[in-house]
Every structure is written in structure tokens, then in C-alpha cells.
């Protein structure tokens, strides 16, 4: 991964930074760059491109805010939609018992409940509680999530902390999906269908921010057709902003990173793209956690290994 980050700066990002207008540096603005990488280039974490400046490693996201898109048309469509004010409602899912041969995600349960309690107290909570017992609102099967997506107004925030997977290939049956409770799955195609049934594509059940804290949710199963992933499926259906993962992400580091994303959105008031950037820089520099972070999650901050790029750079922003 380190070699890839060095190559990314030397081959592209360094040259791109050289094309930024002088006025940006003069007034100390943080530029926002929207990248539309194709095929194999969609697998590169361009925001984690790095160089050495005055003896210190500098990552690209420390210089600019990065967003990604499948096409220029998607960028225009997202920008044209009216923003929806975030409320204390939505849907939060924490490590449902899939029944499959996959490891538990104890930090994801702690993460999900902490985010719900701190920032979205009116949100429905599905999955498991930190002690492993089923959540009062339901175990988090595909039908539960689908029903929430299909019923407007469902709430302004969707946060899914669970397992994600990709079935690779080129056929119509190949897809990205979320592994949910009781051996059920929710595919990218089903997400589009559920949100389309909720009404106007410009409203998408009122979902302004979707955070997919699950592995490979920014990866498509259809060869290198990066235009169809779980993340882009949500954007297609009208969600304002989506945060998703380019590869399998670690449970511990992801839990604190995701809490900090919502901290920067709800407490600091940053837009999602800037909130993700701020959270990644926070983890990279191991800054002190905010008072809103519960003790149950603070232990993960100590355990997090930010020296590994894969621990924080896997998540990307798409949309508004």
C-alpha cells in the first residue's frame, strides 16, 4: 500500500496539485477535488497519495478534500438536488447476526450504538447491542432494512456497520451486497429498487447522508464497472452524500473513524466530504477524542493503528 501511495502522488496527484490556481494557496483555501477514475484506477486511494515535504510525510487529503464519482453526470445530478437538513432520526445498523461463517464485529456494535445515542437519538437501531444480544428494534435482516428504505419519510441518516461483500464477474446476477441477519442479503440492485419505490428520486426517502461502514461497499461485482456499487446505488436513488469503502476495512479503526465522521458532521457542522477528511486526518495524527465519544469507544482509539494506510484510507466520499 505504501508503494501505491507514493506512486499515486508521483504519477498524478502531484501534477494535479501543480495545476491548482495560485489564488487557492494565497487565501489558504482547502480545494475540493472530484475524481472520476476508470477501471483499475478506481481501486487507487488517490486521497492517500503521499510525498515528503520538509522531512515529513504529507498525504494528499491534508492538502485537499477529495470526492469520487462514477461520471460527470452523477456529479451534476448530486449537485442539483436540494439538501435535506439532518435530524435526529434515521436508521442505524450494528453487526447483525448473519448466520454465515464470518467473524463478529464487536467494535462495529459499539460504534453503531454510540453514534445513535450521541447524534441520532430518534433513529431506529437494528442488529446487535455491544453485549451481543439482539437490538430491541429488530435483528437487522434484509426485510427490515428494505422496509425502512421503502417507507418515506424514513429519516435523514442511514448508517450501516456490518459485513459487505462483492461477487465478482460480469453477469447480471453478480453484485455487491450487505450480509444481514438470518442469512439474508441486500444487494445494490435491491437498494435502488427499494428507494425508487419510496417516491421521487430527488428525495430518496429523505436520506441526506448514508454511511456504509462495511467492507468493499465502493467496489462493484461487475468486472471493473465502478459505476454500480452499493454506494453509487444509493446516489442513483437520490441520497445526498454517501461514504463507502474501497476495500475490506478493519473493525477497530473503522469504529472510531466512523464516530468521528458523525462528530464532524453534527458537532462541527462540516459537510460530509469535509467531515470524512477531518476524521481521517484526526486518526492519522492520533488527536484526543471529543467529549461526546463514550468510554466504550475510547479504548478503540488506543488500539487503532493509524500508521497503516489501510486503517483509514479505505473510505471515500461521493455525492454532494
C-alpha atoms as a PDB file:
ATOM      1  CA  UNK A   1       0.000   0.000   0.000  1.00  0.00           C
ATOM      2  CA  UNK A   2       2.838   2.429   0.795  1.00  0.00           C
ATOM      3  CA  UNK A   3       4.297   1.884  -2.661  1.00  0.00           C
ATOM      4  CA  UNK A   4       0.914   2.595  -4.253  1.00  0.00           C
ATOM      5  CA  UNK A   5       0.545   5.847  -2.283  1.00  0.00           C
ATOM      6  CA  UNK A   6       3.985   7.051  -3.347  1.00  0.00           C
ATOM      7  CA  UNK A   7       3.278   6.135  -6.982  1.00  0.00           C
ATOM      8  CA  UNK A   8      -0.107   7.888  -6.907  1.00  0.00           C
ATOM      9  CA  UNK A   9       1.487  11.185  -5.936  1.00  0.00           C
ATOM     10  CA  UNK A  10       4.369  10.944  -8.394  1.00  0.00           C
ATOM     11  CA  UNK A  11       2.222   9.853 -11.326  1.00  0.00           C
ATOM     12  CA  UNK A  12      -0.856  12.026 -10.930  1.00  0.00           C
ATOM     13  CA  UNK A  13      -1.727  13.889  -7.740  1.00  0.00           C
ATOM     14  CA  UNK A  14       1.479  15.931  -7.561  1.00  0.00           C
ATOM     15  CA  UNK A  15       0.901  17.134 -11.120  1.00  0.00           C
ATOM     16  CA  UNK A  16      -2.754  17.853 -10.323  1.00  0.00           C
ATOM     17  CA  UNK A  17      -1.803  19.981  -7.326  1.00  0.00           C
ATOM     18  CA  UNK A  18       0.561  21.881  -9.574  1.00  0.00           C
ATOM     19  CA  UNK A  19      -2.416  22.941 -11.712  1.00  0.00           C
ATOM     20  CA  UNK A  20      -4.375  24.495  -8.832  1.00  0.00           C
ATOM     21  CA  UNK A  21      -4.825  28.259  -9.245  1.00  0.00           C
ATOM     22  CA  UNK A  22      -2.471  30.418  -7.159  1.00  0.00           C
ATOM     23  CA  UNK A  23      -5.453  32.126  -5.521  1.00  0.00           C
ATOM     24  CA  UNK A  24      -6.237  28.924  -3.625  1.00  0.00           C
ATOM     25  CA  UNK A  25      -2.914  28.964  -1.795  1.00  0.00           C
ATOM     26  CA  UNK A  26      -2.946  32.732  -1.376  1.00  0.00           C
ATOM     27  CA  UNK A  27      -6.132  32.735   0.707  1.00  0.00           C
ATOM     28  CA  UNK A  28      -5.387  29.367   2.374  1.00  0.00           C
ATOM     29  CA  UNK A  29      -8.438  27.643   0.945  1.00  0.00           C
ATOM     30  CA  UNK A  30      -8.758  23.878   1.069  1.00  0.00           C
ATOM     31  CA  UNK A  31      -9.669  22.945  -2.519  1.00  0.00           C
ATOM     32  CA  UNK A  32     -12.204  20.209  -3.171  1.00  0.00           C
ATOM     33  CA  UNK A  33     -11.336  17.808  -5.967  1.00  0.00           C
ATOM     34  CA  UNK A  34     -13.813  15.398  -7.553  1.00  0.00           C
ATOM     35  CA  UNK A  35     -12.164  12.444  -9.268  1.00  0.00           C
ATOM     36  CA  UNK A  36     -13.776  10.128 -11.827  1.00  0.00           C
ATOM     37  CA  UNK A  37     -11.288   7.228 -12.015  1.00  0.00           C
ATOM     38  CA  UNK A  38     -11.960   4.441 -14.528  1.00  0.00           C
ATOM     39  CA  UNK A  39     -11.445   0.679 -14.371  1.00  0.00           C
ATOM     40  CA  UNK A  40      -8.320  -0.322 -12.387  1.00  0.00           C
ATOM     41  CA  UNK A  41      -7.707   3.316 -11.438  1.00  0.00           C
ATOM     42  CA  UNK A  42     -10.884   3.188  -9.346  1.00  0.00           C
ATOM     43  CA  UNK A  43      -9.039   0.866  -6.952  1.00  0.00           C
ATOM     44  CA  UNK A  44      -6.404   3.507  -6.081  1.00  0.00           C
ATOM     45  CA  UNK A  45      -6.885   5.614  -2.905  1.00  0.00           C
ATOM     46  CA  UNK A  46      -5.873   8.871  -4.578  1.00  0.00           C
ATOM     47  CA  UNK A  47      -6.618  10.873  -1.420  1.00  0.00           C
ATOM     48  CA  UNK A  48      -3.892   8.834   0.296  1.00  0.00           C
ATOM     49  CA  UNK A  49      -1.249   9.717  -2.296  1.00  0.00           C
ATOM     50  CA  UNK A  50       1.785  10.913  -0.388  1.00  0.00           C
ATOM     51  CA  UNK A  51       5.041  12.767  -0.705  1.00  0.00           C
ATOM     52  CA  UNK A  52       7.764  14.070   1.594  1.00  0.00           C
ATOM     53  CA  UNK A  53       7.841  17.789   2.388  1.00  0.00           C
ATOM     54  CA  UNK A  54      10.494  19.291   4.667  1.00  0.00           C
ATOM     55  CA  UNK A  55      11.274  15.847   6.006  1.00  0.00           C
ATOM     56  CA  UNK A  56       7.679  14.936   6.823  1.00  0.00           C
ATOM     57  CA  UNK A  57       5.241  12.648   5.039  1.00  0.00           C
ATOM     58  CA  UNK A  58       2.285  14.562   3.629  1.00  0.00           C
ATOM     59  CA  UNK A  59      -0.843  12.863   2.334  1.00  0.00           C
ATOM     60  CA  UNK A  60      -2.963  14.367  -0.417  1.00  0.00           C
ATOM     61  CA  UNK A  61      -6.033  14.705   1.806  1.00  0.00           C
ATOM     62  CA  UNK A  62      -4.029  17.048   4.052  1.00  0.00           C
ATOM     63  CA  UNK A  63      -3.877  19.434   1.095  1.00  0.00           C
ATOM     64  CA  UNK A  64      -7.327  18.985  -0.445  1.00  0.00           C
ATOM     65  CA  UNK A  65     -10.761  17.481   0.130  1.00  0.00           C
ATOM     66  CA  UNK A  66     -11.414  14.547  -2.193  1.00  0.00           C
ATOM     67  CA  UNK A  67     -14.686  13.195  -3.536  1.00  0.00           C
ATOM     68  CA  UNK A  68     -15.204  10.442  -6.090  1.00  0.00           C
ATOM     69  CA  UNK A  69     -17.816   9.881  -8.778  1.00  0.00           C
ATOM     70  CA  UNK A  70     -18.701   7.309 -11.407  1.00  0.00           C
ATOM     71  CA  UNK A  71     -19.337  10.003 -14.025  1.00  0.00           C
ATOM     72  CA  UNK A  72     -19.596  13.751 -14.545  1.00  0.00           C
ATOM     73  CA  UNK A  73     -23.345  13.305 -14.935  1.00  0.00           C
ATOM     74  CA  UNK A  74     -23.528  11.845 -11.443  1.00  0.00           C
ATOM     75  CA  UNK A  75     -21.717  14.904 -10.080  1.00  0.00           C
ATOM     76  CA  UNK A  76     -24.200  17.259 -11.748  1.00  0.00           C
ATOM     77  CA  UNK A  77     -27.214  15.259 -10.575  1.00  0.00           C
ATOM     78  CA  UNK A  78     -25.996  15.212  -6.980  1.00  0.00           C
ATOM     79  CA  UNK A  79     -25.239  18.936  -7.007  1.00  0.00           C
ATOM     80  CA  UNK A  80     -28.677  19.765  -8.416  1.00  0.00           C
ATOM     81  CA  UNK A  81     -30.609  18.112  -5.595  1.00  0.00           C
ATOM     82  CA  UNK A  82     -31.789  20.259  -2.738  1.00  0.00           C
ATOM     83  CA  UNK A  83     -30.023  19.418   0.544  1.00  0.00           C
ATOM     84  CA  UNK A  84     -32.071  17.919   3.369  1.00  0.00           C
ATOM     85  CA  UNK A  85     -31.457  19.088   6.921  1.00  0.00           C
ATOM     86  CA  UNK A  86     -30.082  16.349   9.137  1.00  0.00           C
ATOM     87  CA  UNK A  87     -32.343  15.411  12.021  1.00  0.00           C
ATOM     88  CA  UNK A  88     -32.046  13.083  14.972  1.00  0.00           C
ATOM     89  CA  UNK A  89     -33.827  10.339  13.036  1.00  0.00           C
ATOM     90  CA  UNK A  90     -32.779   7.647  10.616  1.00  0.00           C
ATOM     91  CA  UNK A  91     -31.624   4.043  10.649  1.00  0.00           C
ATOM     92  CA  UNK A  92     -28.528   2.681  12.369  1.00  0.00           C
ATOM     93  CA  UNK A  93     -27.445  -0.953  11.968  1.00  0.00           C
ATOM     94  CA  UNK A  94     -24.834  -2.618  14.152  1.00  0.00           C
ATOM     95  CA  UNK A  95     -23.266  -6.004  13.316  1.00  0.00           C
ATOM     96  CA  UNK A  96     -26.334  -8.180  12.720  1.00  0.00           C
ATOM     97  CA  UNK A  97     -26.010 -11.922  13.381  1.00  0.00           C
ATOM     98  CA  UNK A  98     -25.694 -13.070   9.770  1.00  0.00           C
ATOM     99  CA  UNK A  99     -25.576 -16.770  10.493  1.00  0.00           C
ATOM    100  CA  UNK A 100     -22.762 -17.047   7.958  1.00  0.00           C
ATOM    101  CA  UNK A 101     -19.159 -18.066   8.511  1.00  0.00           C
ATOM    102  CA  UNK A 102     -17.899 -14.523   9.053  1.00  0.00           C
ATOM    103  CA  UNK A 103     -16.262 -13.003  12.142  1.00  0.00           C
ATOM    104  CA  UNK A 104     -18.237 -10.917  14.601  1.00  0.00           C
ATOM    105  CA  UNK A 105     -17.650  -7.156  14.579  1.00  0.00           C
ATOM    106  CA  UNK A 106     -17.748  -6.167  18.255  1.00  0.00           C
ATOM    107  CA  UNK A 107     -16.331  -2.696  17.624  1.00  0.00           C
ATOM    108  CA  UNK A 108     -18.986  -2.091  14.965  1.00  0.00           C
ATOM    109  CA  UNK A 109     -21.720  -2.719  17.566  1.00  0.00           C
ATOM    110  CA  UNK A 110     -20.112  -0.260  19.959  1.00  0.00           C
ATOM    111  CA  UNK A 111     -19.665   2.242  17.107  1.00  0.00           C
ATOM    112  CA  UNK A 112     -23.251   1.995  15.897  1.00  0.00           C
ATOM    113  CA  UNK A 113     -24.872   2.354  19.304  1.00  0.00           C
ATOM    114  CA  UNK A 114     -22.554   5.234  20.254  1.00  0.00           C
ATOM    115  CA  UNK A 115     -23.404   7.091  17.028  1.00  0.00           C
ATOM    116  CA  UNK A 116     -27.130   6.529  17.506  1.00  0.00           C
ATOM    117  CA  UNK A 117     -27.107   7.630  21.158  1.00  0.00           C
ATOM    118  CA  UNK A 118     -24.846  10.660  20.628  1.00  0.00           C
ATOM    119  CA  UNK A 119     -26.184  12.086  17.377  1.00  0.00           C
ATOM    120  CA  UNK A 120     -29.402  10.410  16.207  1.00  0.00           C
ATOM    121  CA  UNK A 121     -31.443   9.552  19.313  1.00  0.00           C
ATOM    122  CA  UNK A 122     -34.662   9.114  17.321  1.00  0.00           C
ATOM    123  CA  UNK A 123     -33.116   6.704  14.827  1.00  0.00           C
ATOM    124  CA  UNK A 124     -34.230   3.106  14.627  1.00  0.00           C
ATOM    125  CA  UNK A 125     -31.485   0.722  15.783  1.00  0.00           C
ATOM    126  CA  UNK A 126     -31.191  -2.744  14.217  1.00  0.00           C
ATOM    127  CA  UNK A 127     -28.687  -5.541  14.670  1.00  0.00           C
ATOM    128  CA  UNK A 128     -26.952  -6.386  17.919  1.00  0.00           C
ATOM    129  CA  UNK A 129     -26.097  -4.470  21.055  1.00  0.00           C
ATOM    130  CA  UNK A 130     -22.483  -4.364  22.285  1.00  0.00           C
ATOM    131  CA  UNK A 131     -23.118  -7.361  24.566  1.00  0.00           C
ATOM    132  CA  UNK A 132     -24.181  -9.461  21.568  1.00  0.00           C
ATOM    133  CA  UNK A 133     -27.909  -9.522  22.271  1.00  0.00           C
ATOM    134  CA  UNK A 134     -30.427  -8.558  19.600  1.00  0.00           C
ATOM    135  CA  UNK A 135     -31.405  -4.888  19.350  1.00  0.00           C
ATOM    136  CA  UNK A 136     -34.942  -4.051  20.559  1.00  0.00           C
ATOM    137  CA  UNK A 137     -35.900  -2.678  17.116  1.00  0.00           C
ATOM    138  CA  UNK A 138     -35.022  -5.929  15.365  1.00  0.00           C
ATOM    139  CA  UNK A 139     -32.128  -8.214  14.391  1.00  0.00           C
ATOM    140  CA  UNK A 140     -31.408  -6.384  11.132  1.00  0.00           C
ATOM    141  CA  UNK A 141     -32.497  -8.759   8.389  1.00  0.00           C
ATOM    142  CA  UNK A 142     -32.729  -7.616   4.771  1.00  0.00           C
ATOM    143  CA  UNK A 143     -36.505  -7.204   5.020  1.00  0.00           C
ATOM    144  CA  UNK A 144     -36.088  -4.789   7.947  1.00  0.00           C
ATOM    145  CA  UNK A 145     -33.642  -2.546   6.080  1.00  0.00           C
ATOM    146  CA  UNK A 146     -35.608  -2.787   2.837  1.00  0.00           C
ATOM    147  CA  UNK A 147     -38.832  -1.801   4.598  1.00  0.00           C
ATOM    148  CA  UNK A 148     -37.136   1.261   6.103  1.00  0.00           C
ATOM    149  CA  UNK A 149     -35.786   2.336   2.719  1.00  0.00           C
ATOM    150  CA  UNK A 150     -39.184   1.790   1.120  1.00  0.00           C
ATOM    151  CA  UNK A 151     -41.189   3.915   3.572  1.00  0.00           C
ATOM    152  CA  UNK A 152     -40.932   7.727   3.234  1.00  0.00           C
ATOM    153  CA  UNK A 153     -40.055   9.731   5.185  1.00  0.00           C
ATOM    154  CA  UNK A 154     -37.609   7.219   6.590  1.00  0.00           C
ATOM    155  CA  UNK A 155     -35.171   9.685   8.160  1.00  0.00           C
ATOM    156  CA  UNK A 156     -32.217  11.741   7.090  1.00  0.00           C
ATOM    157  CA  UNK A 157     -29.349   9.385   8.038  1.00  0.00           C
ATOM    158  CA  UNK A 158     -28.503   5.785   7.196  1.00  0.00           C
ATOM    159  CA  UNK A 159     -25.537   4.218   8.995  1.00  0.00           C
ATOM    160  CA  UNK A 160     -24.766   0.559   8.325  1.00  0.00           C
ATOM    161  CA  UNK A 161     -21.959  -1.073  10.341  1.00  0.00           C
ATOM    162  CA  UNK A 162     -21.883  -4.643   9.071  1.00  0.00           C
ATOM    163  CA  UNK A 163     -20.231  -7.020   6.612  1.00  0.00           C
ATOM    164  CA  UNK A 164     -20.143  -6.097   2.949  1.00  0.00           C
ATOM    165  CA  UNK A 165     -19.137  -8.425   0.121  1.00  0.00           C
ATOM    166  CA  UNK A 166     -18.638  -8.445  -3.630  1.00  0.00           C
ATOM    167  CA  UNK A 167     -19.467 -11.250  -6.051  1.00  0.00           C
ATOM    168  CA  UNK A 168     -17.073 -10.683  -8.938  1.00  0.00           C
ATOM    169  CA  UNK A 169     -17.955 -11.339 -12.561  1.00  0.00           C
ATOM    170  CA  UNK A 170     -19.705  -9.779 -15.492  1.00  0.00           C
ATOM    171  CA  UNK A 171     -23.205 -11.278 -15.371  1.00  0.00           C
ATOM    172  CA  UNK A 172     -26.417  -9.577 -14.306  1.00  0.00           C
ATOM    173  CA  UNK A 173     -26.558 -11.739 -11.193  1.00  0.00           C
ATOM    174  CA  UNK A 174     -23.192 -10.508  -9.938  1.00  0.00           C
ATOM    175  CA  UNK A 175     -23.373  -7.755  -7.394  1.00  0.00           C
ATOM    176  CA  UNK A 176     -22.220  -6.036  -4.249  1.00  0.00           C
ATOM    177  CA  UNK A 177     -24.277  -6.836  -1.175  1.00  0.00           C
ATOM    178  CA  UNK A 178     -24.592  -6.359   2.578  1.00  0.00           C
ATOM    179  CA  UNK A 179     -24.623  -9.507   4.736  1.00  0.00           C
ATOM    180  CA  UNK A 180     -27.546  -9.090   7.135  1.00  0.00           C
ATOM    181  CA  UNK A 181     -29.298 -11.083   9.839  1.00  0.00           C
ATOM    182  CA  UNK A 182     -30.614 -14.620   9.392  1.00  0.00           C
ATOM    183  CA  UNK A 183     -28.639 -15.488   6.261  1.00  0.00           C
ATOM    184  CA  UNK A 184     -30.182 -12.595   4.294  1.00  0.00           C
ATOM    185  CA  UNK A 185     -28.533 -10.213   1.848  1.00  0.00           C
ATOM    186  CA  UNK A 186     -29.313  -6.776   0.466  1.00  0.00           C
ATOM    187  CA  UNK A 187     -27.813  -6.167  -2.974  1.00  0.00           C
ATOM    188  CA  UNK A 188     -27.039  -2.910  -4.743  1.00  0.00           C
ATOM    189  CA  UNK A 189     -29.885  -3.630  -7.162  1.00  0.00           C
ATOM    190  CA  UNK A 190     -32.340  -4.087  -4.295  1.00  0.00           C
ATOM    191  CA  UNK A 191     -31.244  -0.796  -2.724  1.00  0.00           C
ATOM    192  CA  UNK A 192     -32.115   1.062  -5.930  1.00  0.00           C
ATOM    193  CA  UNK A 193     -35.439  -0.751  -6.184  1.00  0.00           C
ATOM    194  CA  UNK A 194     -36.382  -0.051  -2.567  1.00  0.00           C
ATOM    195  CA  UNK A 195     -35.572   3.650  -2.719  1.00  0.00           C
ATOM    196  CA  UNK A 196     -37.242   4.009  -6.108  1.00  0.00           C
ATOM    197  CA  UNK A 197     -40.419   2.707  -4.523  1.00  0.00           C
ATOM    198  CA  UNK A 198     -40.230   5.382  -1.838  1.00  0.00           C
ATOM    199  CA  UNK A 199     -41.115   8.176  -4.236  1.00  0.00           C
ATOM    200  CA  UNK A 200     -39.343  10.874  -6.199  1.00  0.00           C
ATOM    201  CA  UNK A 201     -35.699  10.070  -6.989  1.00  0.00           C
ATOM    202  CA  UNK A 202     -34.804  13.577  -5.870  1.00  0.00           C
ATOM    203  CA  UNK A 203     -35.876  12.817  -2.307  1.00  0.00           C
ATOM    204  CA  UNK A 204     -34.896   9.164  -1.786  1.00  0.00           C
ATOM    205  CA  UNK A 205     -36.952   8.787   1.376  1.00  0.00           C
ATOM    206  CA  UNK A 206     -35.377  11.956   2.732  1.00  0.00           C
ATOM    207  CA  UNK A 207     -31.944  10.354   3.189  1.00  0.00           C
ATOM    208  CA  UNK A 208     -29.271  13.046   3.120  1.00  0.00           C
ATOM    209  CA  UNK A 209     -26.301  11.031   4.404  1.00  0.00           C
ATOM    210  CA  UNK A 210     -25.589   7.316   4.052  1.00  0.00           C
ATOM    211  CA  UNK A 211     -22.513   5.882   5.755  1.00  0.00           C
ATOM    212  CA  UNK A 212     -21.651   2.341   4.692  1.00  0.00           C
ATOM    213  CA  UNK A 213     -19.203   1.228   7.376  1.00  0.00           C
ATOM    214  CA  UNK A 214     -18.820  -2.114   5.653  1.00  0.00           C
ATOM    215  CA  UNK A 215     -16.136  -3.749   3.544  1.00  0.00           C
ATOM    216  CA  UNK A 216     -15.895  -3.066  -0.196  1.00  0.00           C
ATOM    217  CA  UNK A 217     -19.109  -1.044  -0.473  1.00  0.00           C
ATOM    218  CA  UNK A 218     -17.423   1.198  -3.070  1.00  0.00           C
ATOM    219  CA  UNK A 219     -16.500  -1.836  -5.204  1.00  0.00           C
ATOM    220  CA  UNK A 220     -18.628  -3.343  -7.973  1.00  0.00           C
ATOM    221  CA  UNK A 221     -19.028  -7.022  -8.668  1.00  0.00           C
ATOM    222  CA  UNK A 222     -19.454  -6.393 -12.375  1.00  0.00           C
ATOM    223  CA  UNK A 223     -15.859  -6.567 -13.520  1.00  0.00           C
ATOM    224  CA  UNK A 224     -14.420  -3.073 -13.367  1.00  0.00           C
ATOM    225  CA  UNK A 225     -17.804  -1.393 -13.795  1.00  0.00           C
ATOM    226  CA  UNK A 226     -17.227   1.052 -10.968  1.00  0.00           C
ATOM    227  CA  UNK A 227     -20.490   2.767 -11.925  1.00  0.00           C
ATOM    228  CA  UNK A 228     -22.540   0.212  -9.974  1.00  0.00           C
ATOM    229  CA  UNK A 229     -21.661  -0.314  -6.317  1.00  0.00           C
ATOM    230  CA  UNK A 230     -23.663  -0.146  -3.118  1.00  0.00           C
ATOM    231  CA  UNK A 231     -22.501   3.445  -2.736  1.00  0.00           C
ATOM    232  CA  UNK A 232     -23.406   4.567  -6.246  1.00  0.00           C
ATOM    233  CA  UNK A 233     -26.712   2.692  -5.962  1.00  0.00           C
ATOM    234  CA  UNK A 234     -27.688   4.994  -3.118  1.00  0.00           C
ATOM    235  CA  UNK A 235     -26.628   8.073  -5.073  1.00  0.00           C
ATOM    236  CA  UNK A 236     -28.601   6.911  -8.095  1.00  0.00           C
ATOM    237  CA  UNK A 237     -31.670   6.609  -5.880  1.00  0.00           C
ATOM    238  CA  UNK A 238     -31.284  10.200  -4.683  1.00  0.00           C
ATOM    239  CA  UNK A 239     -29.271  10.076  -1.449  1.00  0.00           C
ATOM    240  CA  UNK A 240     -27.345  13.321  -0.978  1.00  0.00           C
ATOM    241  CA  UNK A 241     -23.941  12.044   0.189  1.00  0.00           C
ATOM    242  CA  UNK A 242     -22.508   8.554   0.566  1.00  0.00           C
ATOM    243  CA  UNK A 243     -19.420   7.362   2.414  1.00  0.00           C
ATOM    244  CA  UNK A 244     -18.312   3.846   1.481  1.00  0.00           C
ATOM    245  CA  UNK A 245     -15.244   1.595   1.476  1.00  0.00           C
ATOM    246  CA  UNK A 246     -12.834   0.690  -1.318  1.00  0.00           C
ATOM    247  CA  UNK A 247     -11.591  -2.496   0.344  1.00  0.00           C
ATOM    248  CA  UNK A 248     -12.017  -4.725   3.451  1.00  0.00           C
ATOM    249  CA  UNK A 249     -11.676  -2.393   6.439  1.00  0.00           C
ATOM    250  CA  UNK A 250     -10.522  -3.223   9.995  1.00  0.00           C
ATOM    251  CA  UNK A 251     -13.137  -3.338  12.744  1.00  0.00           C
ATOM    252  CA  UNK A 252     -11.293  -1.334  15.419  1.00  0.00           C
ATOM    253  CA  UNK A 253     -10.020   1.581  13.328  1.00  0.00           C
ATOM    254  CA  UNK A 254     -13.279   1.814  11.396  1.00  0.00           C
ATOM    255  CA  UNK A 255     -15.302   2.170  14.592  1.00  0.00           C
ATOM    256  CA  UNK A 256     -13.520   5.300  15.810  1.00  0.00           C
ATOM    257  CA  UNK A 257     -13.201   6.762  12.302  1.00  0.00           C
ATOM    258  CA  UNK A 258     -16.948   6.461  11.700  1.00  0.00           C
ATOM    259  CA  UNK A 259     -17.818   8.018  15.060  1.00  0.00           C
ATOM    260  CA  UNK A 260     -15.572  10.950  14.207  1.00  0.00           C
ATOM    261  CA  UNK A 261     -17.244  11.407  10.809  1.00  0.00           C
ATOM    262  CA  UNK A 262     -20.571  11.950  12.558  1.00  0.00           C
ATOM    263  CA  UNK A 263     -18.872  14.129  15.187  1.00  0.00           C
ATOM    264  CA  UNK A 264     -17.590  16.483  12.489  1.00  0.00           C
ATOM    265  CA  UNK A 265     -20.967  16.494  10.744  1.00  0.00           C
ATOM    266  CA  UNK A 266     -23.170  17.004  13.801  1.00  0.00           C
ATOM    267  CA  UNK A 267     -20.993  18.911  16.282  1.00  0.00           C
ATOM    268  CA  UNK A 268     -18.686  20.882  13.992  1.00  0.00           C
ATOM    269  CA  UNK A 269     -21.142  21.332  11.130  1.00  0.00           C
ATOM    270  CA  UNK A 270     -18.906  20.185   8.287  1.00  0.00           C
ATOM    271  CA  UNK A 271     -20.346  18.830   5.022  1.00  0.00           C
ATOM    272  CA  UNK A 272     -19.863  15.039   4.692  1.00  0.00           C
ATOM    273  CA  UNK A 273     -16.868  15.243   2.326  1.00  0.00           C
ATOM    274  CA  UNK A 274     -15.018  17.572   4.677  1.00  0.00           C
ATOM    275  CA  UNK A 275     -16.152  15.574   7.717  1.00  0.00           C
ATOM    276  CA  UNK A 276     -14.613  12.381   6.312  1.00  0.00           C
ATOM    277  CA  UNK A 277     -11.385  14.235   5.542  1.00  0.00           C
ATOM    278  CA  UNK A 278     -11.285  15.704   9.056  1.00  0.00           C
ATOM    279  CA  UNK A 279     -11.923  12.285  10.616  1.00  0.00           C
ATOM    280  CA  UNK A 280      -9.155  10.654   8.581  1.00  0.00           C
ATOM    281  CA  UNK A 281      -6.681  13.387   9.498  1.00  0.00           C
ATOM    282  CA  UNK A 282      -7.780  13.080  13.132  1.00  0.00           C
ATOM    283  CA  UNK A 283      -6.985   9.351  13.119  1.00  0.00           C
ATOM    284  CA  UNK A 284      -3.781   9.839  11.158  1.00  0.00           C
ATOM    285  CA  UNK A 285      -2.443  12.289  13.754  1.00  0.00           C
ATOM    286  CA  UNK A 286      -3.979  10.480  16.762  1.00  0.00           C
ATOM    287  CA  UNK A 287      -5.628  13.557  18.229  1.00  0.00           C
ATOM    288  CA  UNK A 288      -7.571  13.476  21.501  1.00  0.00           C
ATOM    289  CA  UNK A 289     -11.174  12.206  21.187  1.00  0.00           C
ATOM    290  CA  UNK A 290     -14.064  14.621  21.749  1.00  0.00           C
ATOM    291  CA  UNK A 291     -16.059  14.596  24.976  1.00  0.00           C
ATOM    292  CA  UNK A 292     -19.023  13.101  23.096  1.00  0.00           C
ATOM    293  CA  UNK A 293     -17.120   9.860  22.429  1.00  0.00           C
ATOM    294  CA  UNK A 294     -18.226   7.325  25.067  1.00  0.00           C
ATOM    295  CA  UNK A 295     -15.729   5.425  27.200  1.00  0.00           C
ATOM    296  CA  UNK A 296     -16.780   2.200  25.486  1.00  0.00           C
ATOM    297  CA  UNK A 297     -15.289   3.501  22.248  1.00  0.00           C
ATOM    298  CA  UNK A 298     -12.232   5.303  23.611  1.00  0.00           C
ATOM    299  CA  UNK A 299     -10.417   2.007  24.081  1.00  0.00           C
ATOM    300  CA  UNK A 300     -10.517   1.528  20.326  1.00  0.00           C
ATOM    301  CA  UNK A 301      -8.689   4.840  19.865  1.00  0.00           C
ATOM    302  CA  UNK A 302      -5.763   3.437  21.858  1.00  0.00           C
ATOM    303  CA  UNK A 303      -5.776   0.207  19.839  1.00  0.00           C
ATOM    304  CA  UNK A 304      -6.103   1.883  16.432  1.00  0.00           C
ATOM    305  CA  UNK A 305      -3.011   1.643  14.240  1.00  0.00           C
ATOM    306  CA  UNK A 306      -3.081   4.769  12.097  1.00  0.00           C
ATOM    307  CA  UNK A 307       0.415   4.009  10.766  1.00  0.00           C
ATOM    308  CA  UNK A 308      -1.231   1.533   8.375  1.00  0.00           C
ATOM    309  CA  UNK A 309      -2.741   3.431   5.467  1.00  0.00           C
ATOM    310  CA  UNK A 310      -5.336   0.690   5.034  1.00  0.00           C
ATOM    311  CA  UNK A 311      -6.670   1.517   8.505  1.00  0.00           C
ATOM    312  CA  UNK A 312      -8.031   4.940   7.483  1.00  0.00           C
ATOM    313  CA  UNK A 313      -7.760   5.450   3.724  1.00  0.00           C
ATOM    314  CA  UNK A 314     -10.311   2.866   2.616  1.00  0.00           C
ATOM    315  CA  UNK A 315     -13.298   5.189   2.965  1.00  0.00           C
ATOM    316  CA  UNK A 316     -14.287   7.584   0.192  1.00  0.00           C
ATOM    317  CA  UNK A 317     -16.984  10.235  -0.268  1.00  0.00           C
ATOM    318  CA  UNK A 318     -19.389  10.500  -3.173  1.00  0.00           C
ATOM    319  CA  UNK A 319     -22.186  12.955  -3.836  1.00  0.00           C
ATOM    320  CA  UNK A 320     -22.962  16.430  -2.567  1.00  0.00           C
END
